[in-house]
Amino acid sequence: ETAQGIFVNFANVREATRQKLPFGIAQIGKAFRNEINTKNFLFRVREFEQMEMQYFVPPDEDEKWYDYWLEERQKFYRLVGIPAAKLRLKEHGKDELAHYAKRAFDIQFEFPFGWQEIEGIHNRNDFDLTQHAKHSGKELTYFDEERKSKYLAKVVETSAGLDRVVLAVLCQPLAGRLTDIL
């Protein structure tokens, strides 16, 4: 995943830009996986473009911001021409959650060949900042002037495969949208 660079640079970005929580760091870049299934087209390639945002929030606001980004990302897909009827949410069960995740949903699109994930939204809790602080020896806590307290931010992640998103948009009939585009 491309997210780890964001966590490594969290303190630098926060200090250099004088950000207050909540704030996000987004990036797009190459992602690689060590598996391949040649029968699944764009859904299991070894190399792909990934768009990610890590949104850093106060500990008691992670659920509020998680719900916010879950809704905003669905709005984005409707904005680029994907009808709501072609989108659905799939919540990860407790046995499906990544080791770092407190909560996770996939946004799925109904392709002509079936439902497939185009984006994942995860409540990563404070796992990544805790691990980076532990292994680097760097102080990654945040002092909140308004609350007069120091804490480790929690993280809400949005992560989408650009190739999948473009394919979903291309699968939409152009007729009827031309007037909206023009």
Protein backbone atom coordinates (compact mmCIF):
# COMPACT_ATOMS: atom_id res chain seq x y z
CA GLU A 1 0.00 0.00 0.00
CA THR A 2 1.09 3.58 -0.51
CA ALA A 3 -0.20 4.82 2.86
CA GLN A 4 2.95 4.19 4.87
CA GLY A 5 4.72 7.19 3.33
CA ILE A 6 1.96 9.39 4.70
CA PHE A 7 2.45 8.04 8.23
CA VAL A 8 6.23 8.43 8.03
CA ASN A 9 5.75 12.08 7.02
CA PHE A 10 2.80 12.86 9.32
CA ALA A 11 4.78 14.95 11.83
CA ASN A 12 6.67 16.82 9.10
CA VAL A 13 3.50 17.71 7.22
CA ARG A 14 1.64 18.71 10.39
CA GLU A 15 4.47 20.94 11.61
CA ALA A 16 5.42 22.47 8.24
CA THR A 17 1.84 23.35 7.33
CA ARG A 18 0.73 24.15 10.90
CA GLN A 19 -2.28 21.88 10.56
CA LYS A 20 -4.77 21.38 13.35
CA LEU A 21 -6.74 18.19 13.65
CA PRO A 22 -8.72 17.09 11.78
CA PHE A 23 -6.76 17.21 8.53
CA GLY A 24 -5.95 14.83 5.72
CA ILE A 25 -2.99 13.91 3.57
CA ALA A 26 -3.83 12.47 0.15
CA GLN A 27 -1.67 10.96 -2.55
CA ILE A 28 -1.77 8.89 -5.67
CA GLY A 29 0.91 6.41 -6.60
CA LYS A 30 1.93 2.97 -7.72
CA ALA A 31 0.94 0.08 -5.52
CA PHE A 32 2.17 -3.47 -5.86
CA ARG A 33 0.92 -6.81 -4.65
CA ASN A 34 2.68 -10.13 -4.51
CA GLU A 35 -0.18 -12.15 -5.92
CA ILE A 36 -1.77 -12.53 -9.30
CA ASN A 37 -4.85 -14.22 -10.63
CA THR A 38 -4.97 -13.82 -14.39
CA LYS A 39 -8.71 -14.52 -14.48
CA ASN A 40 -9.70 -11.35 -12.62
CA PHE A 41 -8.73 -8.61 -15.12
CA LEU A 42 -7.98 -5.32 -13.29
CA PHE A 43 -8.89 -6.74 -9.92
CA ARG A 44 -5.72 -8.71 -9.23
CA VAL A 45 -2.93 -7.13 -11.26
CA ARG A 46 0.52 -6.87 -9.70
CA GLU A 47 0.87 -3.13 -10.26
CA PHE A 48 -1.84 -0.48 -10.14
CA GLU A 49 -2.50 3.19 -9.40
CA GLN A 50 -3.87 3.75 -5.94
CA MET A 51 -5.47 6.93 -4.59
CA GLU A 52 -5.41 7.23 -0.82
CA MET A 53 -6.19 9.71 1.89
CA GLN A 54 -5.34 9.36 5.54
CA TYR A 55 -7.54 11.69 7.57
CA PHE A 56 -6.18 12.37 11.06
CA VAL A 57 -8.79 13.06 13.74
CA PRO A 58 -9.08 13.45 17.53
CA PRO A 59 -9.60 10.08 19.27
CA ASP A 60 -13.20 10.73 20.26
CA GLU A 61 -14.19 11.82 16.73
CA ASP A 62 -13.08 8.83 14.65
CA GLU A 63 -16.58 7.38 14.18
CA LYS A 64 -18.06 10.75 13.23
CA TRP A 65 -15.38 11.32 10.58
CA TYR A 66 -15.59 7.72 9.39
CA ASP A 67 -19.31 8.15 8.66
CA TYR A 68 -18.62 11.51 7.04
CA TRP A 69 -16.03 10.11 4.59
CA LEU A 70 -18.16 7.07 3.83
CA GLU A 71 -20.93 9.39 2.65
CA GLU A 72 -18.60 11.86 0.87
CA ARG A 73 -16.94 9.11 -1.17
CA GLN A 74 -20.34 7.84 -2.34
CA LYS A 75 -21.24 11.41 -3.34
CA PHE A 76 -18.02 11.57 -5.36
CA TYR A 77 -19.01 8.55 -7.44
CA ARG A 78 -22.45 10.00 -8.12
CA LEU A 79 -20.78 13.29 -9.09
CA VAL A 80 -18.64 11.55 -11.74
CA GLY A 81 -21.72 9.94 -13.28
CA ILE A 82 -22.18 6.66 -11.46
CA PRO A 83 -25.83 6.23 -10.42
CA ALA A 84 -26.53 5.31 -6.81
CA ALA A 85 -28.29 2.13 -8.01
CA LYS A 86 -24.93 0.86 -9.33
CA LEU A 87 -23.21 1.36 -5.97
CA ARG A 88 -23.48 -0.59 -2.76
CA LEU A 89 -21.67 -0.79 0.55
CA LYS A 90 -20.27 -4.02 1.91
CA GLU A 91 -19.27 -3.96 5.54
CA HIS A 92 -16.37 -6.15 6.61
CA GLY A 93 -17.26 -8.69 9.27
CA LYS A 94 -15.08 -9.03 12.37
CA ASP A 95 -13.32 -12.01 10.73
CA GLU A 96 -12.64 -9.97 7.55
CA LEU A 97 -11.11 -6.86 9.14
CA ALA A 98 -7.45 -6.10 8.54
CA HIS A 99 -5.36 -6.34 11.70
CA TYR A 100 -5.22 -2.53 11.95
CA ALA A 101 -8.90 -1.83 11.26
CA LYS A 102 -11.56 -0.97 13.79
CA ARG A 103 -14.18 -0.79 11.04
CA ALA A 104 -14.22 -1.15 7.25
CA PHE A 105 -16.56 -0.85 4.29
CA ASP A 106 -15.99 -1.49 0.61
CA ILE A 107 -17.75 0.66 -1.94
CA GLN A 108 -18.71 -1.74 -4.70
CA PHE A 109 -19.82 -1.06 -8.26
CA GLU A 110 -22.04 -3.30 -10.36
CA PHE A 111 -19.89 -3.99 -13.42
CA PRO A 112 -21.38 -5.94 -16.36
CA PHE A 113 -19.60 -8.99 -14.89
CA GLY A 114 -20.81 -8.48 -11.30
CA TRP A 115 -20.20 -6.49 -8.14
CA GLN A 116 -16.58 -5.53 -7.45
CA GLU A 117 -14.84 -3.26 -4.96
CA ILE A 118 -13.70 0.13 -6.23
CA GLU A 119 -12.79 1.70 -2.88
CA GLY A 120 -12.24 0.79 0.73
CA ILE A 121 -12.94 3.05 3.70
CA HIS A 122 -11.20 2.02 6.92
CA ASN A 123 -11.09 3.27 10.46
CA ARG A 124 -7.41 2.49 11.04
CA ASN A 125 -7.62 3.60 14.66
CA ASP A 126 -4.17 4.75 15.89
CA PHE A 127 -2.39 1.59 14.77
CA ASP A 128 -0.04 3.14 12.19
CA LEU A 129 1.06 6.14 14.23
CA THR A 130 1.58 3.89 17.27
CA GLN A 131 3.76 1.51 15.24
CA HIS A 132 5.78 4.27 13.58
CA ALA A 133 6.39 5.99 16.92
CA LYS A 134 7.39 2.70 18.54
CA HIS A 135 9.84 1.64 15.82
CA SER A 136 11.27 5.04 14.89
CA GLY A 137 11.50 6.53 18.36
CA LYS A 138 9.79 9.67 17.02
CA GLU A 139 7.18 11.52 19.03
CA LEU A 140 3.94 11.49 17.00
CA THR A 141 1.46 12.70 19.58
CA TYR A 142 -0.50 15.86 18.93
CA PHE A 143 -1.00 18.68 21.43
CA ASP A 144 -4.51 20.08 21.06
CA GLU A 145 -4.49 23.73 22.14
CA GLU A 146 -8.28 23.93 22.41
CA ARG A 147 -8.62 20.78 24.52
CA LYS A 148 -5.35 21.34 26.38
CA SER A 149 -4.48 17.68 25.92
CA LYS A 150 -1.95 15.54 24.15
CA TYR A 151 -2.99 12.45 22.21
CA LEU A 152 -2.28 10.19 19.27
CA ALA A 153 -4.56 10.93 16.33
CA LYS A 154 -6.86 8.26 14.96
CA VAL A 155 -7.00 7.72 11.20
CA VAL A 156 -9.80 7.34 8.69
CA GLU A 157 -8.54 6.03 5.35
CA THR A 158 -10.10 6.20 1.91
CA SER A 159 -8.33 4.01 -0.63
CA ALA A 160 -9.39 3.55 -4.26
CA GLY A 161 -7.89 1.85 -7.27
CA LEU A 162 -7.80 4.45 -10.04
CA ASP A 163 -8.03 1.82 -12.80
CA ARG A 164 -11.19 0.36 -11.25
CA VAL A 165 -12.79 3.78 -10.85
CA VAL A 166 -12.07 4.72 -14.48
CA LEU A 167 -13.46 1.37 -15.65
CA ALA A 168 -16.63 1.94 -13.60
CA VAL A 169 -17.11 5.37 -15.17
CA LEU A 170 -16.50 3.96 -18.65
CA CYS A 171 -19.13 1.28 -18.03
CA GLN A 172 -21.80 3.96 -17.73
CA PRO A 173 -23.90 4.68 -20.82
CA LEU A 174 -22.92 8.02 -22.29
CA ALA A 175 -26.38 8.76 -23.69
CA GLY A 176 -28.24 11.00 -21.30
CA ARG A 177 -25.04 12.22 -19.67
CA LEU A 178 -23.88 14.29 -22.64
CA THR A 179 -26.21 17.13 -21.75
CA ASP A 180 -24.82 17.12 -18.21
CA ILE A 181 -21.23 17.09 -19.48
CA LEU A 182 -21.76 19.77 -22.13
